[in-house]
Amino acid sequence: MAVSRLLARPLLGAFFVTNAVDSLRNAEALARDAKPVTDRFVPLVERVAPDGAPVPTEAATWVRINGALQLGAAAALITGHFPRVASGVLAATLVPSTAARYRFWEASDPAERRDQVTHFAKNVSLAGGLLIAAGDTEGRPGLAWRARRTARDARREAGHLARSARREARLVKAQLT
């Protein structure tokens, strides 16, 4: 493994560990900021959830769920277990937490707005890093390349089999006549 990956993954994951712990410890306080986001999010989840599946409606529960997802994915990223999936999960959890915590467009105080913009930009930057990490195949071919390669190999093999079958058919026909 490259030294950059060895260092970058724990550094990237460290933010999410601290953020997740904060979310789990202070869910009730963070729920006040998250409520406008969860109020819009819950109906979407209810529409796509299977019939009868329980969907939490309290903002504090969603803050805890987001924190738990971040903690698990950050641990996976830091330890190098499924780093691409972990990065994708972290990027997905970053969207609602950023929208809940850093709504700079609602801040009336210029100093508060500046702080909110700074944190918002930091999270956007983290999302960019996570997207890079999610696409990192560590020098090995990705799924798309492997799928194209497999399809090409299958077409080539089908061509060989078709030529072989035609040759055999000609031989059988020659033997019958």
C-alpha atoms as a PDB file:
ATOM      1  CA  MET A   1       0.000   0.000   0.000  1.00  0.00           C
ATOM      2  CA  ALA A   2       1.260   3.459  -0.857  1.00  0.00           C
ATOM      3  CA  VAL A   3       2.374   5.631   2.047  1.00  0.00           C
ATOM      4  CA  SER A   4      -0.073   8.306   0.907  1.00  0.00           C
ATOM      5  CA  ARG A   5      -2.990   5.902   1.349  1.00  0.00           C
ATOM      6  CA  LEU A   6      -1.573   4.627   4.617  1.00  0.00           C
ATOM      7  CA  LEU A   7      -1.598   8.181   5.987  1.00  0.00           C
ATOM      8  CA  ALA A   8      -4.501   9.731   4.100  1.00  0.00           C
ATOM      9  CA  ARG A   9      -7.187   7.263   5.098  1.00  0.00           C
ATOM     10  CA  PRO A  10      -6.711   7.653   8.860  1.00  0.00           C
ATOM     11  CA  LEU A  11      -6.410  11.420   8.498  1.00  0.00           C
ATOM     12  CA  LEU A  12      -9.620  11.581   6.471  1.00  0.00           C
ATOM     13  CA  GLY A  13     -11.410   9.178   8.807  1.00  0.00           C
ATOM     14  CA  ALA A  14     -10.343  11.006  11.986  1.00  0.00           C
ATOM     15  CA  PHE A  15     -12.713  13.896  11.315  1.00  0.00           C
ATOM     16  CA  PHE A  16     -15.640  11.514  10.996  1.00  0.00           C
ATOM     17  CA  VAL A  17     -14.800   9.682  14.215  1.00  0.00           C
ATOM     18  CA  THR A  18     -14.892  12.947  16.178  1.00  0.00           C
ATOM     19  CA  ASN A  19     -17.986  14.120  14.305  1.00  0.00           C
ATOM     20  CA  ALA A  20     -19.747  10.796  14.937  1.00  0.00           C
ATOM     21  CA  VAL A  21     -18.909  10.775  18.634  1.00  0.00           C
ATOM     22  CA  ASP A  22     -20.238  14.340  18.904  1.00  0.00           C
ATOM     23  CA  SER A  23     -23.429  13.316  17.091  1.00  0.00           C
ATOM     24  CA  LEU A  24     -23.973  10.319  19.348  1.00  0.00           C
ATOM     25  CA  ARG A  25     -23.247  12.230  22.568  1.00  0.00           C
ATOM     26  CA  ASN A  26     -25.166  15.400  21.712  1.00  0.00           C
ATOM     27  CA  ALA A  27     -27.970  14.072  19.529  1.00  0.00           C
ATOM     28  CA  GLU A  28     -30.693  16.009  21.309  1.00  0.00           C
ATOM     29  CA  ALA A  29     -28.888  19.349  20.949  1.00  0.00           C
ATOM     30  CA  LEU A  30     -27.960  18.692  17.319  1.00  0.00           C
ATOM     31  CA  ALA A  31     -31.520  17.594  16.566  1.00  0.00           C
ATOM     32  CA  ARG A  32     -32.719  21.197  16.770  1.00  0.00           C
ATOM     33  CA  ASP A  33     -30.510  22.102  13.803  1.00  0.00           C
ATOM     34  CA  ALA A  34     -31.279  18.837  12.020  1.00  0.00           C
ATOM     35  CA  LYS A  35     -35.062  19.109  12.307  1.00  0.00           C
ATOM     36  CA  PRO A  36     -35.597  21.159   9.104  1.00  0.00           C
ATOM     37  CA  VAL A  37     -33.553  18.585   7.186  1.00  0.00           C
ATOM     38  CA  THR A  38     -35.211  15.541   8.744  1.00  0.00           C
ATOM     39  CA  ASP A  39     -38.673  17.036   8.204  1.00  0.00           C
ATOM     40  CA  ARG A  40     -37.947  17.035   4.458  1.00  0.00           C
ATOM     41  CA  PHE A  41     -36.039  13.737   4.490  1.00  0.00           C
ATOM     42  CA  VAL A  42     -38.492  11.522   6.425  1.00  0.00           C
ATOM     43  CA  PRO A  43     -41.292  11.643   3.801  1.00  0.00           C
ATOM     44  CA  LEU A  44     -38.802  10.596   1.108  1.00  0.00           C
ATOM     45  CA  VAL A  45     -37.640   7.645   3.204  1.00  0.00           C
ATOM     46  CA  GLU A  46     -41.238   6.663   3.955  1.00  0.00           C
ATOM     47  CA  ARG A  47     -41.992   6.581   0.221  1.00  0.00           C
ATOM     48  CA  VAL A  48     -39.105   4.249  -0.621  1.00  0.00           C
ATOM     49  CA  ALA A  49     -39.219   2.097   2.524  1.00  0.00           C
ATOM     50  CA  PRO A  50     -40.923  -1.296   2.180  1.00  0.00           C
ATOM     51  CA  ASP A  51     -44.487  -1.412   3.474  1.00  0.00           C
ATOM     52  CA  GLY A  52     -44.566  -1.845   7.215  1.00  0.00           C
ATOM     53  CA  ALA A  53     -40.903  -0.922   7.712  1.00  0.00           C
ATOM     54  CA  PRO A  54     -40.539   1.405  10.670  1.00  0.00           C
ATOM     55  CA  VAL A  55     -39.165   4.822   9.709  1.00  0.00           C
ATOM     56  CA  PRO A  56     -37.942   7.038  12.543  1.00  0.00           C
ATOM     57  CA  THR A  57     -39.522  10.466  12.630  1.00  0.00           C
ATOM     58  CA  GLU A  58     -37.558  12.124  15.439  1.00  0.00           C
ATOM     59  CA  ALA A  59     -34.618  14.284  14.408  1.00  0.00           C
ATOM     60  CA  ALA A  60     -32.495  13.019  17.323  1.00  0.00           C
ATOM     61  CA  THR A  61     -32.872   9.446  16.075  1.00  0.00           C
ATOM     62  CA  TRP A  62     -31.677  10.475  12.602  1.00  0.00           C
ATOM     63  CA  VAL A  63     -28.708  12.310  14.143  1.00  0.00           C
ATOM     64  CA  ARG A  64     -27.793   9.107  15.988  1.00  0.00           C
ATOM     65  CA  ILE A  65     -28.223   6.978  12.855  1.00  0.00           C
ATOM     66  CA  ASN A  66     -26.003   9.371  10.899  1.00  0.00           C
ATOM     67  CA  GLY A  67     -23.435   9.326  13.698  1.00  0.00           C
ATOM     68  CA  ALA A  68     -23.436   5.532  13.871  1.00  0.00           C
ATOM     69  CA  LEU A  69     -23.003   5.268  10.098  1.00  0.00           C
ATOM     70  CA  GLN A  70     -20.144   7.749  10.228  1.00  0.00           C
ATOM     71  CA  LEU A  71     -18.459   5.913  13.081  1.00  0.00           C
ATOM     72  CA  GLY A  72     -18.682   2.525  11.367  1.00  0.00           C
ATOM     73  CA  ALA A  73     -17.590   3.821   7.963  1.00  0.00           C
ATOM     74  CA  ALA A  74     -14.756   5.883   9.469  1.00  0.00           C
ATOM     75  CA  ALA A  75     -13.488   2.824  11.323  1.00  0.00           C
ATOM     76  CA  ALA A  76     -13.577   0.833   8.085  1.00  0.00           C
ATOM     77  CA  LEU A  77     -11.755   3.588   6.195  1.00  0.00           C
ATOM     78  CA  ILE A  78      -9.099   4.005   8.876  1.00  0.00           C
ATOM     79  CA  THR A  79      -8.409   0.273   9.063  1.00  0.00           C
ATOM     80  CA  GLY A  80      -8.500  -0.160   5.289  1.00  0.00           C
ATOM     81  CA  HIS A  81     -11.520  -2.471   5.249  1.00  0.00           C
ATOM     82  CA  PHE A  82     -13.695  -1.747   2.221  1.00  0.00           C
ATOM     83  CA  PRO A  83     -12.232   1.766   1.846  1.00  0.00           C
ATOM     84  CA  ARG A  84     -14.165   2.549  -1.324  1.00  0.00           C
ATOM     85  CA  VAL A  85     -17.519   1.622   0.198  1.00  0.00           C
ATOM     86  CA  ALA A  86     -16.626   3.371   3.462  1.00  0.00           C
ATOM     87  CA  SER A  87     -15.709   6.549   1.581  1.00  0.00           C
ATOM     88  CA  GLY A  88     -18.995   6.449  -0.316  1.00  0.00           C
ATOM     89  CA  VAL A  89     -20.981   6.004   2.898  1.00  0.00           C
ATOM     90  CA  LEU A  90     -19.105   8.880   4.550  1.00  0.00           C
ATOM     91  CA  ALA A  91     -19.760  11.120   1.546  1.00  0.00           C
ATOM     92  CA  ALA A  92     -23.462  10.240   1.706  1.00  0.00           C
ATOM     93  CA  THR A  93     -23.663  10.985   5.449  1.00  0.00           C
ATOM     94  CA  LEU A  94     -21.854  14.271   4.952  1.00  0.00           C
ATOM     95  CA  VAL A  95     -24.682  15.727   2.865  1.00  0.00           C
ATOM     96  CA  PRO A  96     -27.433  15.754   5.513  1.00  0.00           C
ATOM     97  CA  SER A  97     -25.074  16.668   8.359  1.00  0.00           C
ATOM     98  CA  THR A  98     -23.718  19.622   6.384  1.00  0.00           C
ATOM     99  CA  ALA A  99     -27.203  20.755   5.422  1.00  0.00           C
ATOM    100  CA  ALA A 100     -28.288  20.518   9.062  1.00  0.00           C
ATOM    101  CA  ARG A 101     -25.314  22.135  10.779  1.00  0.00           C
ATOM    102  CA  TYR A 102     -24.064  24.753   8.353  1.00  0.00           C
ATOM    103  CA  ARG A 103     -27.017  26.567   6.793  1.00  0.00           C
ATOM    104  CA  PHE A 104     -25.065  29.787   6.285  1.00  0.00           C
ATOM    105  CA  TRP A 105     -27.818  31.273   4.138  1.00  0.00           C
ATOM    106  CA  GLU A 106     -30.010  31.499   7.241  1.00  0.00           C
ATOM    107  CA  ALA A 107     -27.410  33.244   9.450  1.00  0.00           C
ATOM    108  CA  SER A 108     -28.087  36.910  10.088  1.00  0.00           C
ATOM    109  CA  ASP A 109     -24.905  37.779  12.003  1.00  0.00           C
ATOM    110  CA  PRO A 110     -21.977  38.370   9.588  1.00  0.00           C
ATOM    111  CA  ALA A 111     -19.473  36.627  11.900  1.00  0.00           C
ATOM    112  CA  GLU A 112     -21.743  33.604  12.276  1.00  0.00           C
ATOM    113  CA  ARG A 113     -22.334  33.536   8.512  1.00  0.00           C
ATOM    114  CA  ARG A 114     -18.568  33.594   7.904  1.00  0.00           C
ATOM    115  CA  ASP A 115     -18.065  30.676  10.309  1.00  0.00           C
ATOM    116  CA  GLN A 116     -20.909  28.759   8.689  1.00  0.00           C
ATOM    117  CA  VAL A 117     -19.481  29.347   5.194  1.00  0.00           C
ATOM    118  CA  THR A 118     -16.052  28.180   6.366  1.00  0.00           C
ATOM    119  CA  HIS A 119     -17.465  24.948   7.834  1.00  0.00           C
ATOM    120  CA  PHE A 120     -19.675  24.421   4.788  1.00  0.00           C
ATOM    121  CA  ALA A 121     -16.649  24.809   2.478  1.00  0.00           C
ATOM    122  CA  LYS A 122     -14.634  22.429   4.698  1.00  0.00           C
ATOM    123  CA  ASN A 123     -17.327  19.784   4.361  1.00  0.00           C
ATOM    124  CA  VAL A 124     -17.527  20.281   0.603  1.00  0.00           C
ATOM    125  CA  SER A 125     -13.753  19.767   0.480  1.00  0.00           C
ATOM    126  CA  LEU A 126     -14.067  16.626   2.599  1.00  0.00           C
ATOM    127  CA  ALA A 127     -16.720  15.365   0.194  1.00  0.00           C
ATOM    128  CA  GLY A 128     -14.279  15.876  -2.674  1.00  0.00           C
ATOM    129  CA  GLY A 129     -11.602  13.903  -0.850  1.00  0.00           C
ATOM    130  CA  LEU A 130     -14.083  11.139  -0.098  1.00  0.00           C
ATOM    131  CA  LEU A 131     -15.125  10.944  -3.741  1.00  0.00           C
ATOM    132  CA  ILE A 132     -11.467  10.554  -4.724  1.00  0.00           C
ATOM    133  CA  ALA A 133     -11.057   7.847  -2.074  1.00  0.00           C
ATOM    134  CA  ALA A 134     -14.243   6.110  -3.236  1.00  0.00           C
ATOM    135  CA  GLY A 135     -12.851   5.900  -6.759  1.00  0.00           C
ATOM    136  CA  ASP A 136      -9.359   4.798  -5.716  1.00  0.00           C
ATOM    137  CA  THR A 137      -8.725   1.289  -6.992  1.00  0.00           C
ATOM    138  CA  GLU A 138      -5.170   1.262  -5.579  1.00  0.00           C
ATOM    139  CA  GLY A 139      -3.761   0.725  -9.052  1.00  0.00           C
ATOM    140  CA  ARG A 140      -5.914  -2.317  -9.676  1.00  0.00           C
ATOM    141  CA  PRO A 141      -8.518  -2.253 -12.418  1.00  0.00           C
ATOM    142  CA  GLY A 142     -11.932  -1.047 -11.349  1.00  0.00           C
ATOM    143  CA  LEU A 143     -15.227  -2.836 -11.862  1.00  0.00           C
ATOM    144  CA  ALA A 144     -16.035  -0.979 -15.088  1.00  0.00           C
ATOM    145  CA  TRP A 145     -12.704  -1.945 -16.653  1.00  0.00           C
ATOM    146  CA  ARG A 146     -13.071  -5.543 -15.512  1.00  0.00           C
ATOM    147  CA  ALA A 147     -16.622  -5.715 -16.914  1.00  0.00           C
ATOM    148  CA  ARG A 148     -15.466  -4.361 -20.294  1.00  0.00           C
ATOM    149  CA  ARG A 149     -12.526  -6.780 -20.295  1.00  0.00           C
ATOM    150  CA  THR A 150     -14.771  -9.732 -19.454  1.00  0.00           C
ATOM    151  CA  ALA A 151     -17.235  -8.763 -22.212  1.00  0.00           C
ATOM    152  CA  ARG A 152     -14.379  -8.437 -24.729  1.00  0.00           C
ATOM    153  CA  ASP A 153     -12.954 -11.808 -23.705  1.00  0.00           C
ATOM    154  CA  ALA A 154     -16.411 -13.400 -23.936  1.00  0.00           C
ATOM    155  CA  ARG A 155     -16.919 -11.981 -27.454  1.00  0.00           C
ATOM    156  CA  ARG A 156     -13.492 -13.261 -28.510  1.00  0.00           C
ATOM    157  CA  GLU A 157     -14.192 -16.708 -27.068  1.00  0.00           C
ATOM    158  CA  ALA A 158     -17.614 -16.790 -28.741  1.00  0.00           C
ATOM    159  CA  GLY A 159     -15.912 -16.017 -32.052  1.00  0.00           C
ATOM    160  CA  HIS A 160     -13.409 -18.846 -31.518  1.00  0.00           C
ATOM    161  CA  LEU A 161     -16.216 -21.249 -30.649  1.00  0.00           C
ATOM    162  CA  ALA A 162     -18.251 -20.199 -33.701  1.00  0.00           C
ATOM    163  CA  ARG A 163     -15.254 -20.722 -36.024  1.00  0.00           C
ATOM    164  CA  SER A 164     -14.529 -24.076 -34.404  1.00  0.00           C
ATOM    165  CA  ALA A 165     -18.170 -25.139 -34.752  1.00  0.00           C
ATOM    166  CA  ARG A 166     -18.165 -24.180 -38.453  1.00  0.00           C
ATOM    167  CA  ARG A 167     -14.934 -26.144 -38.997  1.00  0.00           C
ATOM    168  CA  GLU A 168     -16.397 -29.187 -37.267  1.00  0.00           C
ATOM    169  CA  ALA A 169     -19.599 -28.877 -39.279  1.00  0.00           C
ATOM    170  CA  ARG A 170     -17.591 -28.811 -42.528  1.00  0.00           C
ATOM    171  CA  LEU A 171     -15.638 -31.886 -41.441  1.00  0.00           C
ATOM    172  CA  VAL A 172     -18.792 -33.801 -40.538  1.00  0.00           C
ATOM    173  CA  LYS A 173     -20.419 -32.766 -43.819  1.00  0.00           C
ATOM    174  CA  ALA A 174     -17.329 -33.899 -45.747  1.00  0.00           C
ATOM    175  CA  GLN A 175     -17.344 -37.251 -43.976  1.00  0.00           C
ATOM    176  CA  LEU A 176     -21.039 -37.770 -44.741  1.00  0.00           C
ATOM    177  CA  THR A 177     -20.625 -37.102 -48.440  1.00  0.00           C
END
